[in-house]
Protein backbone atom coordinates (compact mmCIF):
# COMPACT_ATOMS: atom_id res chain seq x y z
CA MET A 1 -10.77 7.75 -5.16
CA ARG A 2 -14.32 6.87 -6.02
CA ALA A 3 -17.19 9.01 -3.92
CA THR A 4 -18.63 7.68 -1.17
CA VAL A 5 -22.63 7.83 -0.10
CA ILE A 6 -21.70 8.95 3.28
CA PRO A 7 -17.92 9.90 4.71
CA SER A 8 -15.58 7.25 4.76
CA PRO A 9 -14.83 5.70 7.86
CA GLU A 10 -11.19 7.02 9.29
CA PRO A 11 -8.14 4.46 8.95
CA VAL A 12 -7.40 2.80 12.53
CA LEU A 13 -3.49 4.08 13.05
CA LEU A 14 -1.05 3.16 15.41
CA ASP A 15 2.34 4.12 16.51
CA VAL A 16 5.56 2.76 15.47
CA LYS A 17 8.12 3.64 18.27
CA ASP A 18 10.43 6.02 17.23
CA ARG A 19 8.51 6.86 14.16
CA THR A 20 6.26 9.56 12.92
CA GLU A 21 4.89 7.03 10.04
CA GLN A 22 2.14 4.61 11.62
CA PHE A 23 0.66 1.00 11.16
CA PRO A 24 -2.95 1.08 9.58
CA VAL A 25 -4.76 -1.76 10.94
CA ARG A 26 -6.87 -3.95 8.31
CA ARG A 27 -7.95 -7.30 10.77
CA VAL A 28 -7.12 -8.45 14.01
CA TYR A 29 -6.96 -11.97 14.68
CA CYS A 30 -6.74 -13.55 18.10
CA VAL A 31 -5.43 -17.12 19.58
CA GLY A 32 -7.69 -18.45 22.48
CA ARG A 33 -6.15 -20.81 24.87
CA ASN A 34 -2.65 -20.59 23.46
CA TYR A 35 -0.65 -20.66 27.43
CA ALA A 36 -1.10 -24.46 29.00
CA ASP A 37 -1.69 -22.74 32.55
CA HIS A 38 -4.20 -20.26 30.83
CA ALA A 39 -6.14 -23.31 29.42
CA ILE A 40 -6.19 -24.78 32.84
CA GLU A 41 -7.58 -21.99 35.19
CA MET A 42 -10.40 -21.44 32.16
CA GLY A 43 -11.14 -25.78 32.42
CA HIS A 44 -9.97 -26.86 29.70
CA ASP A 45 -7.50 -29.14 28.63
CA PRO A 46 -4.13 -27.73 27.59
CA SER A 47 -2.73 -30.75 25.33
CA ARG A 48 -1.74 -29.31 21.66
CA GLU A 49 -5.05 -29.37 19.98
CA PRO A 50 -5.28 -27.30 16.68
CA PRO A 51 -5.61 -24.07 17.58
CA PHE A 52 -8.66 -21.76 17.50
CA PHE A 53 -8.99 -18.11 16.34
CA PHE A 54 -11.67 -15.37 17.15
CA GLN A 55 -11.74 -12.06 16.21
CA LYS A 56 -11.42 -8.17 17.25
CA ASN A 57 -12.71 -5.37 15.04
CA ALA A 58 -9.49 -2.96 13.99
CA ASP A 59 -10.90 0.19 15.68
CA ASN A 60 -10.67 -2.23 18.97
CA LEU A 61 -7.23 -1.33 19.08
CA PHE A 62 -6.01 1.92 20.46
CA ASN A 63 -2.66 3.44 21.77
CA GLY A 64 -3.97 5.36 25.26
CA ASP A 65 -3.37 5.60 28.80
CA THR A 66 -6.96 5.10 29.12
CA PHE A 67 -9.89 2.42 29.11
CA PRO A 68 -12.93 3.15 29.39
CA TYR A 69 -15.39 0.34 31.79
CA PRO A 70 -17.62 -0.73 29.14
CA SER A 71 -21.74 -1.25 29.72
CA ALA A 72 -23.39 -3.91 29.48
CA SER A 73 -20.97 -5.74 31.68
CA SER A 74 -20.14 -5.87 35.45
CA ASN A 75 -16.89 -8.46 34.89
CA VAL A 76 -14.46 -7.00 32.64
CA HIS A 77 -10.97 -9.36 32.73
CA PHE A 78 -7.31 -8.59 31.66
CA GLU A 79 -5.39 -10.74 29.19
CA VAL A 80 -1.96 -9.30 28.82
CA GLU A 81 -0.18 -10.91 24.85
CA LEU A 82 1.94 -10.35 22.68
CA VAL A 83 0.45 -8.29 19.69
CA VAL A 84 2.18 -9.02 16.44
CA ALA A 85 1.98 -6.41 13.09
CA LEU A 86 1.87 -7.91 9.45
CA ALA A 87 3.82 -6.92 6.59
CA ASP A 88 2.71 -9.23 4.29
CA GLY A 89 0.64 -12.16 3.86
CA GLY A 90 -1.01 -15.03 2.01
CA SER A 91 -2.43 -17.83 1.83
CA ASP A 92 -1.25 -21.42 3.10
CA ILE A 93 2.30 -19.99 4.56
CA PRO A 94 5.01 -22.34 4.93
CA VAL A 95 5.98 -22.41 8.94
CA SER A 96 9.67 -21.68 7.55
CA GLU A 97 8.68 -17.86 5.71
CA ALA A 98 5.88 -17.24 8.81
CA MET A 99 8.45 -14.83 10.26
CA SER A 100 9.21 -12.98 6.95
CA LYS A 101 5.56 -11.67 6.97
CA VAL A 102 5.90 -9.53 10.38
CA TYR A 103 6.65 -6.20 10.27
CA GLY A 104 7.00 -5.67 13.89
CA TYR A 105 5.34 -6.57 17.91
CA ALA A 106 3.67 -4.61 20.77
CA VAL A 107 2.72 -5.06 24.21
CA GLY A 108 -1.46 -5.19 24.72
CA ILE A 109 -4.20 -6.02 26.76
CA ASP A 110 -7.48 -8.22 25.55
CA PHE A 111 -10.11 -7.13 27.54
CA THR A 112 -13.13 -9.16 28.11
CA ARG A 113 -16.84 -9.21 29.15
CA ARG A 114 -16.37 -12.43 31.15
CA ASP A 115 -19.54 -12.71 32.07
CA LEU A 116 -20.99 -12.02 28.68
CA GLN A 117 -18.44 -14.65 27.39
CA ASP A 118 -19.44 -16.85 30.24
CA VAL A 119 -22.87 -16.57 29.26
CA ALA A 120 -22.32 -17.13 25.43
CA LYS A 121 -19.90 -20.36 26.06
CA LYS A 122 -22.89 -22.01 27.95
CA MET A 123 -25.67 -21.30 24.67
CA SER A 124 -22.89 -22.56 22.11
CA ARG A 125 -23.04 -18.50 21.22
CA PRO A 126 -20.40 -16.42 19.34
CA TRP A 127 -17.88 -14.12 21.41
CA GLU A 128 -18.59 -10.62 19.51
CA ALA A 129 -19.77 -9.04 22.43
CA ALA A 130 -17.66 -10.12 25.31
CA LYS A 131 -14.35 -9.44 22.88
CA ALA A 132 -15.00 -6.93 20.01
CA PHE A 133 -16.18 -3.92 22.33
CA GLU A 134 -14.95 -0.08 21.75
CA LYS A 135 -11.71 0.05 22.90
CA SER A 136 -11.26 -3.42 24.21
CA ALA A 137 -7.57 -3.83 23.05
CA PRO A 138 -5.04 -1.21 24.20
CA VAL A 139 -1.44 -1.51 22.83
CA SER A 140 2.13 0.09 23.25
CA ALA A 141 3.65 0.85 20.14
CA ILE A 142 4.73 -1.67 17.16
CA VAL A 143 8.69 -2.00 17.55
CA PRO A 144 9.79 -2.91 14.29
CA ALA A 145 10.95 -6.47 13.48
CA THR A 146 14.43 -5.02 11.93
CA GLU A 147 15.13 -3.76 15.23
CA LEU A 148 14.34 -7.27 17.35
CA ASP A 149 14.76 -10.35 16.80
CA TYR A 150 12.01 -13.08 17.27
CA PRO A 151 11.25 -12.61 20.85
CA GLY A 152 10.66 -16.82 21.01
CA MET A 153 10.80 -16.36 24.59
CA GLY A 154 10.74 -13.72 27.27
CA ALA A 155 8.95 -12.52 30.54
CA ILE A 156 5.56 -11.03 29.67
CA TRP A 157 3.67 -9.99 32.55
CA LEU A 158 0.87 -7.47 34.22
CA GLU A 159 -0.14 -5.93 37.11
CA VAL A 160 -3.20 -3.84 38.88
CA ASN A 161 -2.52 -1.13 41.34
CA GLY A 162 0.79 -2.70 41.83
CA GLU A 163 0.43 -6.13 42.28
CA ARG A 164 1.43 -8.68 40.23
CA LYS A 165 -1.08 -10.90 38.58
CA GLN A 166 0.20 -12.35 35.56
CA SER A 167 3.58 -13.81 35.51
CA GLY A 168 4.39 -15.82 32.20
CA ASP A 169 7.22 -15.77 29.76
CA LEU A 170 6.63 -16.65 25.71
CA ASN A 171 8.17 -20.11 25.61
CA GLN A 172 5.20 -21.12 27.41
CA MET A 173 2.32 -20.39 24.10
CA ILE A 174 1.31 -23.49 23.31
CA TRP A 175 1.42 -22.74 19.65
CA LYS A 176 4.27 -20.99 18.63
CA LEU A 177 4.07 -17.55 16.14
CA PRO A 178 5.46 -19.03 13.45
CA GLU A 179 3.00 -21.84 13.60
CA ILE A 180 0.04 -19.33 14.87
CA ILE A 181 0.91 -16.94 11.13
CA ALA A 182 1.18 -20.62 8.86
CA GLU A 183 -2.35 -22.01 10.95
CA LEU A 184 -4.35 -18.91 10.50
CA SER A 185 -3.09 -18.19 6.60
CA LYS A 186 -4.96 -21.87 5.69
CA LEU A 187 -8.27 -20.23 7.00
CA PHE A 188 -7.83 -16.45 5.67
CA VAL A 189 -6.36 -15.11 3.24
CA LEU A 190 -3.53 -12.62 5.82
CA ALA A 191 -2.45 -9.47 4.47
CA PRO A 192 -0.30 -6.73 5.08
CA GLY A 193 -1.52 -4.13 8.03
CA ASP A 194 -3.22 -7.54 10.07
CA VAL A 195 -2.60 -7.84 13.05
CA ILE A 196 -2.28 -10.97 16.04
CA MET A 197 -3.03 -10.92 19.22
CA THR A 198 -1.46 -14.24 20.52
CA GLY A 199 -2.47 -15.15 23.71
CA THR A 200 -2.32 -14.54 27.69
CA PRO A 201 -0.50 -16.74 30.51
CA ALA A 202 -2.46 -17.94 33.56
CA GLY A 203 -3.44 -15.17 36.16
CA VAL A 204 -6.89 -12.77 34.47
CA GLY A 205 -9.04 -11.04 36.48
CA PRO A 206 -11.02 -8.29 36.84
CA VAL A 207 -10.56 -4.56 37.05
CA VAL A 208 -12.41 -1.91 38.20
CA ARG A 209 -12.70 1.62 37.78
CA GLY A 210 -9.79 3.41 39.08
CA ASP A 211 -7.56 0.39 38.76
CA LYS A 212 -4.25 1.43 37.35
CA VAL A 213 -2.94 -1.76 35.17
CA ALA A 214 0.85 -2.19 33.65
CA CYS A 215 1.93 -4.97 31.72
CA ALA A 216 4.89 -5.87 29.67
CA ILE A 217 7.09 -8.24 27.77
CA ASP A 218 10.73 -8.41 27.91
CA GLY A 219 12.38 -6.18 25.22
CA ILE A 220 9.33 -5.25 23.75
CA GLY A 221 7.69 -2.65 25.52
CA THR A 222 5.74 -1.53 28.37
CA LEU A 223 1.88 -0.82 28.59
CA SER A 224 0.38 1.18 31.44
CA LEU A 225 -3.37 2.57 31.78
CA THR A 226 -6.36 3.61 34.23
CA VAL A 227 -9.77 2.06 33.83
CA SER A 228 -12.18 5.14 33.75
């Protein structure tokens, strides 16, 4: 390894269920408005338009039970999502080959500074300040695909302080996982270590310090944390 002029950043590593080895994160891609009911609640037409993507930073992902409320915002929203980790990649991947690229699945939350996002939308500005802030994407341990069939359906839900806020099913995704991978690979060269957050059902809403958040996807896992 070549010497560096400053210390190299620590790699971002995520837990894998029942394994001591961890999953190294390269990039994080997110799918916007991928559940029809969520598109409607955000004021958009849920018809099957081409999918659009945005990114978080690799080090926004973390395994942990505390979410630090970010500065510069007074309206931070939860969005529970199916998280997909890739073991392989490529360009222009056919839909028929897309699932062979998957390493495993996890439960995640795409925390969003909604007030900053609303301003960005009105001013036609990018979303990074709203989406790619520190610890904005807690995730559960990854379940390897070798232990789990592709979860094309299954309940996905989130509660705040014991009250159900989001409730949906993976089969309600407008763009299914094989299509997401194929479409992404038309825009980017996908690679091992890439992570995809696949969208959220309706019911997104704010959290405040002290809230207890719990979420789950049937057959994949659970994620619980406290907002600090």
